[in-house]
C-alpha atoms as a PDB file:
ATOM      1  CA  MET A   1       0.000   0.000   0.000  1.00  0.00           C
ATOM      2  CA  ILE A   2       2.805   2.402   0.999  1.00  0.00           C
ATOM      3  CA  GLU A   3       6.344   1.648  -0.104  1.00  0.00           C
ATOM      4  CA  LEU A   4       9.388   3.847   0.364  1.00  0.00           C
ATOM      5  CA  THR A   5      12.592   2.812  -1.402  1.00  0.00           C
ATOM      6  CA  GLY A   6      15.903   4.563  -0.737  1.00  0.00           C
ATOM      7  CA  ILE A   7      14.223   7.757   0.475  1.00  0.00           C
ATOM      8  CA  SER A   8      16.623  10.554   1.383  1.00  0.00           C
ATOM      9  CA  ARG A   9      15.961  14.211   2.138  1.00  0.00           C
ATOM     10  CA  VAL A  10      18.733  16.790   2.197  1.00  0.00           C
ATOM     11  CA  PHE A  11      18.199  20.406   3.200  1.00  0.00           C
ATOM     12  CA  HIS A  12      20.715  23.080   2.203  1.00  0.00           C
ATOM     13  CA  LEU A  13      21.340  25.753   4.831  1.00  0.00           C
ATOM     14  CA  GLY A  14      23.874  28.173   3.454  1.00  0.00           C
ATOM     15  CA  ASP A  15      26.984  26.131   2.717  1.00  0.00           C
ATOM     16  CA  SER A  16      25.837  23.255   4.926  1.00  0.00           C
ATOM     17  CA  GLU A  17      23.831  20.146   4.133  1.00  0.00           C
ATOM     18  CA  VAL A  18      21.397  18.645   6.634  1.00  0.00           C
ATOM     19  CA  HIS A  19      20.552  14.995   5.970  1.00  0.00           C
ATOM     20  CA  ALA A  20      17.054  14.762   7.463  1.00  0.00           C
ATOM     21  CA  LEU A  21      16.429  11.291   6.000  1.00  0.00           C
ATOM     22  CA  ARG A  22      19.039   8.781   4.893  1.00  0.00           C
ATOM     23  CA  ASP A  23      18.181   5.891   2.562  1.00  0.00           C
ATOM     24  CA  VAL A  24      14.909   4.885   4.252  1.00  0.00           C
ATOM     25  CA  ASP A  25      13.183   1.706   3.066  1.00  0.00           C
ATOM     26  CA  LEU A  26       9.700   1.100   4.466  1.00  0.00           C
ATOM     27  CA  ARG A  27       6.630  -0.895   3.485  1.00  0.00           C
ATOM     28  CA  ILE A  28       3.250  -0.332   5.169  1.00  0.00           C
ATOM     29  CA  GLU A  29       0.216  -2.458   4.390  1.00  0.00           C
ATOM     30  CA  GLN A  30      -3.347  -1.170   4.246  1.00  0.00           C
ATOM     31  CA  GLY A  31      -4.920  -0.997   7.706  1.00  0.00           C
ATOM     32  CA  GLU A  32      -1.709  -1.022   9.746  1.00  0.00           C
ATOM     33  CA  TYR A  33      -1.315   1.082  12.908  1.00  0.00           C
ATOM     34  CA  LEU A  34       2.189   2.504  13.362  1.00  0.00           C
ATOM     35  CA  SER A  35       3.854   4.884  15.761  1.00  0.00           C
ATOM     36  CA  VAL A  36       7.012   6.775  14.799  1.00  0.00           C
ATOM     37  CA  MET A  37       9.273   7.789  17.661  1.00  0.00           C
ATOM     38  CA  GLY A  38      12.769   9.139  18.169  1.00  0.00           C
ATOM     39  CA  PRO A  39      14.612  12.185  19.485  1.00  0.00           C
ATOM     40  CA  SER A  40      14.125  15.685  18.099  1.00  0.00           C
ATOM     41  CA  GLY A  41      15.874  16.020  14.759  1.00  0.00           C
ATOM     42  CA  SER A  42      15.742  12.289  14.037  1.00  0.00           C
ATOM     43  CA  GLY A  43      13.641  12.693  10.893  1.00  0.00           C
ATOM     44  CA  LYS A  44      10.154  11.855  12.194  1.00  0.00           C
ATOM     45  CA  SER A  45       8.365  14.938  10.894  1.00  0.00           C
ATOM     46  CA  THR A  46      10.299  14.898   7.616  1.00  0.00           C
ATOM     47  CA  LEU A  47       9.193  11.310   7.092  1.00  0.00           C
ATOM     48  CA  LEU A  48       5.585  12.256   7.818  1.00  0.00           C
ATOM     49  CA  ASN A  49       5.773  15.236   5.454  1.00  0.00           C
ATOM     50  CA  ILE A  50       7.006  13.012   2.630  1.00  0.00           C
ATOM     51  CA  LEU A  51       4.330  10.387   3.339  1.00  0.00           C
ATOM     52  CA  GLY A  52       1.746  13.186   3.256  1.00  0.00           C
ATOM     53  CA  LEU A  53       3.110  14.669   0.014  1.00  0.00           C
ATOM     54  CA  LEU A  54       3.876  17.918   1.796  1.00  0.00           C
ATOM     55  CA  ASP A  55       7.543  17.550   0.845  1.00  0.00           C
ATOM     56  CA  ARG A  56       9.487  15.770  -1.892  1.00  0.00           C
ATOM     57  CA  PRO A  57      12.415  13.428  -1.285  1.00  0.00           C
ATOM     58  CA  THR A  58      15.823  14.379  -2.599  1.00  0.00           C
ATOM     59  CA  ALA A  59      16.308  10.771  -3.727  1.00  0.00           C
ATOM     60  CA  GLY A  60      14.324   7.556  -3.765  1.00  0.00           C
ATOM     61  CA  HIS A  61      10.785   6.504  -4.671  1.00  0.00           C
ATOM     62  CA  TYR A  62       7.484   6.703  -2.815  1.00  0.00           C
ATOM     63  CA  SER A  63       4.759   4.377  -4.053  1.00  0.00           C
ATOM     64  CA  LEU A  64       1.157   4.764  -2.836  1.00  0.00           C
ATOM     65  CA  ASN A  65      -1.281   2.108  -4.031  1.00  0.00           C
ATOM     66  CA  GLY A  66       1.146   1.083  -6.742  1.00  0.00           C
ATOM     67  CA  ARG A  67       1.718   4.611  -8.054  1.00  0.00           C
ATOM     68  CA  ASN A  68       4.992   6.517  -7.809  1.00  0.00           C
ATOM     69  CA  VAL A  69       3.557   9.647  -6.224  1.00  0.00           C
ATOM     70  CA  SER A  70       6.900  11.299  -5.458  1.00  0.00           C
ATOM     71  CA  GLU A  71       7.265  12.269  -9.136  1.00  0.00           C
ATOM     72  CA  LEU A  72       3.769  13.664  -9.647  1.00  0.00           C
ATOM     73  CA  SER A  73       3.222  17.332 -10.386  1.00  0.00           C
ATOM     74  CA  SER A  74       2.216  19.608  -7.525  1.00  0.00           C
ATOM     75  CA  ASP A  75      -1.399  19.650  -8.724  1.00  0.00           C
ATOM     76  CA  GLU A  76      -1.492  15.853  -8.985  1.00  0.00           C
ATOM     77  CA  GLN A  77      -0.003  15.493  -5.507  1.00  0.00           C
ATOM     78  CA  ALA A  78      -2.610  17.896  -4.141  1.00  0.00           C
ATOM     79  CA  ARG A  79      -5.336  15.712  -5.637  1.00  0.00           C
ATOM     80  CA  VAL A  80      -3.874  12.576  -4.019  1.00  0.00           C
ATOM     81  CA  ARG A  81      -3.618  14.373  -0.659  1.00  0.00           C
ATOM     82  CA  ARG A  82      -7.208  15.542  -0.890  1.00  0.00           C
ATOM     83  CA  GLU A  83      -8.613  12.148  -1.870  1.00  0.00           C
ATOM     84  CA  GLN A  84      -6.461   9.653   0.030  1.00  0.00           C
ATOM     85  CA  ILE A  85      -4.671  11.265   3.005  1.00  0.00           C
ATOM     86  CA  GLY A  86      -6.014  12.839   6.190  1.00  0.00           C
ATOM     87  CA  PHE A  87      -3.874  14.987   8.511  1.00  0.00           C
ATOM     88  CA  VAL A  88      -4.174  15.533  12.271  1.00  0.00           C
ATOM     89  CA  PHE A  89      -1.688  17.934  13.882  1.00  0.00           C
ATOM     90  CA  GLN A  90      -0.637  19.034  17.355  1.00  0.00           C
ATOM     91  CA  VAL A  91      -1.750  22.558  16.411  1.00  0.00           C
ATOM     92  CA  PHE A  92      -5.327  22.079  15.287  1.00  0.00           C
ATOM     93  CA  HIS A  93      -5.124  24.418  12.245  1.00  0.00           C
ATOM     94  CA  LEU A  94      -8.811  25.252  12.403  1.00  0.00           C
ATOM     95  CA  VAL A  95      -9.963  28.376  10.561  1.00  0.00           C
ATOM     96  CA  PRO A  96     -10.872  30.842  13.354  1.00  0.00           C
ATOM     97  CA  ARG A  97     -13.723  32.579  11.509  1.00  0.00           C
ATOM     98  CA  LEU A  98     -15.461  29.309  10.594  1.00  0.00           C
ATOM     99  CA  THR A  99     -17.797  27.313  12.821  1.00  0.00           C
ATOM    100  CA  ALA A 100     -17.091  23.708  13.766  1.00  0.00           C
ATOM    101  CA  ALA A 101     -19.453  22.536  11.024  1.00  0.00           C
ATOM    102  CA  GLU A 102     -17.845  24.826   8.450  1.00  0.00           C
ATOM    103  CA  ASN A 103     -14.330  23.686   9.401  1.00  0.00           C
ATOM    104  CA  ILE A 104     -15.374  20.060   8.973  1.00  0.00           C
ATOM    105  CA  ALA A 105     -16.938  20.823   5.587  1.00  0.00           C
ATOM    106  CA  LEU A 106     -13.935  22.766   4.253  1.00  0.00           C
ATOM    107  CA  PRO A 107     -12.138  19.873   2.464  1.00  0.00           C
ATOM    108  CA  MET A 108     -15.372  19.001   0.657  1.00  0.00           C
ATOM    109  CA  VAL A 109     -15.862  22.628  -0.398  1.00  0.00           C
ATOM    110  CA  LEU A 110     -12.337  22.636  -1.866  1.00  0.00           C
ATOM    111  CA  ALA A 111     -13.042  19.317  -3.603  1.00  0.00           C
ATOM    112  CA  GLY A 112     -16.228  20.653  -5.177  1.00  0.00           C
ATOM    113  CA  ILE A 113     -18.604  18.208  -3.508  1.00  0.00           C
ATOM    114  CA  ALA A 114     -22.258  19.181  -3.853  1.00  0.00           C
ATOM    115  CA  ALA A 115     -23.825  21.129  -0.988  1.00  0.00           C
ATOM    116  CA  GLU A 116     -26.444  18.492  -0.218  1.00  0.00           C
ATOM    117  CA  GLU A 117     -23.853  15.749   0.193  1.00  0.00           C
ATOM    118  CA  ARG A 118     -21.626  18.072   2.213  1.00  0.00           C
ATOM    119  CA  ALA A 119     -24.456  18.820   4.619  1.00  0.00           C
ATOM    120  CA  ALA A 120     -25.293  15.137   5.064  1.00  0.00           C
ATOM    121  CA  ARG A 121     -21.665  14.159   5.724  1.00  0.00           C
ATOM    122  CA  VAL A 122     -21.166  17.013   8.180  1.00  0.00           C
ATOM    123  CA  ARG A 123     -24.314  16.082  10.110  1.00  0.00           C
ATOM    124  CA  GLN A 124     -23.074  12.522  10.405  1.00  0.00           C
ATOM    125  CA  ALA A 125     -19.581  13.628  11.470  1.00  0.00           C
ATOM    126  CA  LEU A 126     -20.966  15.977  14.124  1.00  0.00           C
ATOM    127  CA  ALA A 127     -22.996  13.089  15.524  1.00  0.00           C
ATOM    128  CA  ASP A 128     -20.119  10.592  15.314  1.00  0.00           C
ATOM    129  CA  TYR A 129     -17.728  12.911  17.167  1.00  0.00           C
ATOM    130  CA  ASP A 130     -20.246  14.145  19.750  1.00  0.00           C
ATOM    131  CA  LEU A 131     -20.130  17.673  18.381  1.00  0.00           C
ATOM    132  CA  ALA A 132     -23.756  18.225  17.382  1.00  0.00           C
ATOM    133  CA  GLN A 133     -24.254  20.742  20.207  1.00  0.00           C
ATOM    134  CA  ARG A 134     -21.119  22.621  19.101  1.00  0.00           C
ATOM    135  CA  ALA A 135     -21.839  22.803  15.362  1.00  0.00           C
ATOM    136  CA  GLU A 136     -22.195  26.606  15.292  1.00  0.00           C
ATOM    137  CA  HIS A 137     -19.361  27.338  17.734  1.00  0.00           C
ATOM    138  CA  ARG A 138     -16.129  28.845  16.478  1.00  0.00           C
ATOM    139  CA  PRO A 139     -12.756  27.378  17.577  1.00  0.00           C
ATOM    140  CA  GLU A 140     -12.210  29.882  20.407  1.00  0.00           C
ATOM    141  CA  GLN A 141     -15.521  28.731  21.914  1.00  0.00           C
ATOM    142  CA  LEU A 142     -14.404  25.097  22.029  1.00  0.00           C
ATOM    143  CA  SER A 143     -12.234  23.192  24.497  1.00  0.00           C
ATOM    144  CA  GLY A 144      -8.947  21.669  23.361  1.00  0.00           C
ATOM    145  CA  GLY A 145     -10.512  18.230  23.165  1.00  0.00           C
ATOM    146  CA  GLN A 146     -13.449  19.539  21.137  1.00  0.00           C
ATOM    147  CA  ARG A 147     -11.120  21.346  18.746  1.00  0.00           C
ATOM    148  CA  GLN A 148      -9.134  18.165  18.204  1.00  0.00           C
ATOM    149  CA  ARG A 149     -12.363  16.243  17.544  1.00  0.00           C
ATOM    150  CA  VAL A 150     -13.273  18.852  14.929  1.00  0.00           C
ATOM    151  CA  ALA A 151      -9.792  18.466  13.424  1.00  0.00           C
ATOM    152  CA  ILE A 152     -10.161  14.666  13.290  1.00  0.00           C
ATOM    153  CA  ALA A 153     -13.624  14.978  11.749  1.00  0.00           C
ATOM    154  CA  ARG A 154     -12.221  17.358   9.123  1.00  0.00           C
ATOM    155  CA  ALA A 155      -9.306  14.980   8.441  1.00  0.00           C
ATOM    156  CA  THR A 156     -11.645  12.063   7.795  1.00  0.00           C
ATOM    157  CA  ILE A 157     -14.571  13.766   6.036  1.00  0.00           C
ATOM    158  CA  MET A 158     -13.109  12.861   2.612  1.00  0.00           C
ATOM    159  CA  ARG A 159     -12.867   9.208   3.704  1.00  0.00           C
ATOM    160  CA  PRO A 160      -9.095   8.867   3.299  1.00  0.00           C
ATOM    161  CA  THR A 161      -7.287   5.534   3.277  1.00  0.00           C
ATOM    162  CA  VAL A 162      -4.374   6.937   5.336  1.00  0.00           C
ATOM    163  CA  ILE A 163      -4.355   9.184   8.405  1.00  0.00           C
ATOM    164  CA  LEU A 164      -1.105  10.898   9.403  1.00  0.00           C
ATOM    165  CA  ALA A 165      -1.112  12.274  12.945  1.00  0.00           C
ATOM    166  CA  ASP A 166       1.768  14.499  14.101  1.00  0.00           C
ATOM    167  CA  GLU A 167       1.815  14.748  17.921  1.00  0.00           C
ATOM    168  CA  PRO A 168      -2.016  14.651  18.010  1.00  0.00           C
ATOM    169  CA  THR A 169      -2.098  14.729  21.836  1.00  0.00           C
ATOM    170  CA  GLY A 170       0.642  17.333  22.300  1.00  0.00           C
ATOM    171  CA  ASN A 171      -1.663  20.233  23.213  1.00  0.00           C
ATOM    172  CA  LEU A 172      -4.175  18.182  25.198  1.00  0.00           C
ATOM    173  CA  ASP A 173      -4.473  17.037  28.790  1.00  0.00           C
ATOM    174  CA  ARG A 174      -4.176  13.291  29.358  1.00  0.00           C
ATOM    175  CA  ALA A 175      -7.931  12.616  29.353  1.00  0.00           C
ATOM    176  CA  SER A 176      -8.536  14.597  26.148  1.00  0.00           C
ATOM    177  CA  GLY A 177      -5.439  13.071  24.567  1.00  0.00           C
ATOM    178  CA  ASN A 178      -6.646   9.558  25.334  1.00  0.00           C
ATOM    179  CA  GLU A 179     -10.010  10.403  23.818  1.00  0.00           C
ATOM    180  CA  ALA A 180      -8.356  11.668  20.628  1.00  0.00           C
ATOM    181  CA  ILE A 181      -6.230   8.538  20.337  1.00  0.00           C
ATOM    182  CA  ARG A 182      -9.250   6.298  20.871  1.00  0.00           C
ATOM    183  CA  LEU A 183     -11.046   8.117  18.044  1.00  0.00           C
ATOM    184  CA  LEU A 184      -8.080   7.603  15.735  1.00  0.00           C
ATOM    185  CA  GLU A 185      -7.815   3.959  16.777  1.00  0.00           C
ATOM    186  CA  SER A 186     -11.513   3.419  16.011  1.00  0.00           C
ATOM    187  CA  LEU A 187     -10.853   4.658  12.470  1.00  0.00           C
ATOM    188  CA  ASN A 188      -7.941   2.229  12.199  1.00  0.00           C
ATOM    189  CA  ALA A 189     -10.224  -0.564  13.383  1.00  0.00           C
ATOM    190  CA  GLY A 190     -12.416   0.310  10.408  1.00  0.00           C
ATOM    191  CA  GLY A 191      -9.539  -0.297   7.996  1.00  0.00           C
ATOM    192  CA  VAL A 192      -7.830   3.100   7.765  1.00  0.00           C
ATOM    193  CA  THR A 193      -4.034   3.059   7.883  1.00  0.00           C
ATOM    194  CA  LEU A 194      -2.921   5.088  10.927  1.00  0.00           C
ATOM    195  CA  ILE A 195       0.577   6.554  11.345  1.00  0.00           C
ATOM    196  CA  VAL A 196       1.216   8.540  14.539  1.00  0.00           C
ATOM    197  CA  VAL A 197       4.361  10.572  15.251  1.00  0.00           C
ATOM    198  CA  THR A 198       4.755  11.073  18.988  1.00  0.00           C
ATOM    199  CA  HIS A 199       7.245  11.802  21.752  1.00  0.00           C
ATOM    200  CA  ASP A 200       4.911  10.191  24.299  1.00  0.00           C
ATOM    201  CA  PRO A 201       5.990   6.582  24.998  1.00  0.00           C
ATOM    202  CA  VAL A 202       2.542   5.731  26.361  1.00  0.00           C
ATOM    203  CA  ILE A 203       0.964   6.740  23.051  1.00  0.00           C
ATOM    204  CA  GLY A 204       3.722   5.087  21.048  1.00  0.00           C
ATOM    205  CA  GLU A 205       3.307   1.769  22.834  1.00  0.00           C
ATOM    206  CA  ARG A 206      -0.351   1.573  21.806  1.00  0.00           C
ATOM    207  CA  ALA A 207       0.525   1.049  18.143  1.00  0.00           C
ATOM    208  CA  HIS A 208       0.680  -2.415  16.634  1.00  0.00           C
ATOM    209  CA  ARG A 209       3.938  -1.556  14.880  1.00  0.00           C
ATOM    210  CA  ARG A 210       6.550   0.809  16.251  1.00  0.00           C
ATOM    211  CA  LEU A 211       9.228   2.587  14.264  1.00  0.00           C
ATOM    212  CA  ARG A 212      12.189   4.392  15.809  1.00  0.00           C
ATOM    213  CA  MET A 213      14.111   7.032  13.904  1.00  0.00           C
ATOM    214  CA  GLU A 214      17.688   8.046  14.685  1.00  0.00           C
ATOM    215  CA  ASP A 215      19.820  10.487  12.675  1.00  0.00           C
ATOM    216  CA  GLY A 216      17.510  10.258   9.690  1.00  0.00           C
ATOM    217  CA  ARG A 217      17.578   6.467   9.550  1.00  0.00           C
ATOM    218  CA  LEU A 218      15.039   3.826  10.463  1.00  0.00           C
ATOM    219  CA  ALA A 219      16.786   2.370  13.522  1.00  0.00           C
ATOM    220  CA  ALA A 220      14.115  -0.093  14.689  1.00  0.00           C
ATOM    221  CA  ASP A 221      10.908  -1.635  13.366  1.00  0.00           C
ATOM    222  CA  THR A 222       9.021  -3.672  15.976  1.00  0.00           C
ATOM    223  CA  ARG A 223       5.735  -5.451  15.306  1.00  0.00           C
ATOM    224  CA  HIS A 224       3.047  -6.524  17.758  1.00  0.00           C
ATOM    225  CA  HIS A 225       0.067  -8.673  16.910  1.00  0.00           C
ATOM    226  CA  GLU A 226      -2.308  -6.517  18.960  1.00  0.00           C
ATOM    227  CA  ALA A 227      -2.281  -3.281  20.951  1.00  0.00           C
ATOM    228  CA  ASP A 228      -1.209  -3.463  24.578  1.00  0.00           C
END
């Protein structure tokens, strides 16, 4: 489903080169649940950005569903992102002037989905994420946990096959963070591939497969048959 072959990413800072990723090979099957851990600067976020088509590798190939997406044009990559990949971030990235319902609907507006279908999907998402009573509230009127639920609803409204979560509990208290992870895990249980970057070992240990990055390389790849 996802296959990285010889992926490297080099950043040029003045006369210096920073090797954020070094010759990474990785295969992820549909429906897997992975955590990506490692110290700051180990390449975790760079890896996630390449998987999410937010960045291009300097070398190597990235295949998604049998297609080499690393060589697509920017417009083609944007289409793949919109149709197949959902993003959940530590910073919620909600649009302040939009209500919860409007934030959830935004990807469908950009994709040109008809208003009637948008409304039906948003109603269902608000119910699924226990946000029906907050539909007309703007982000500043919501708690951290509610904002993250809106962000997860927005990330999944296009029914992606892959969800990439970058420190999704980083700005939440433990109870709200656990709730967010349980929501993501329920999506994985439904067949969505879930990849979570985290510094939190408790969150990392929940994944069925655990990757550890060090100095831009994949240092460990540990599999578990079921979550602890």
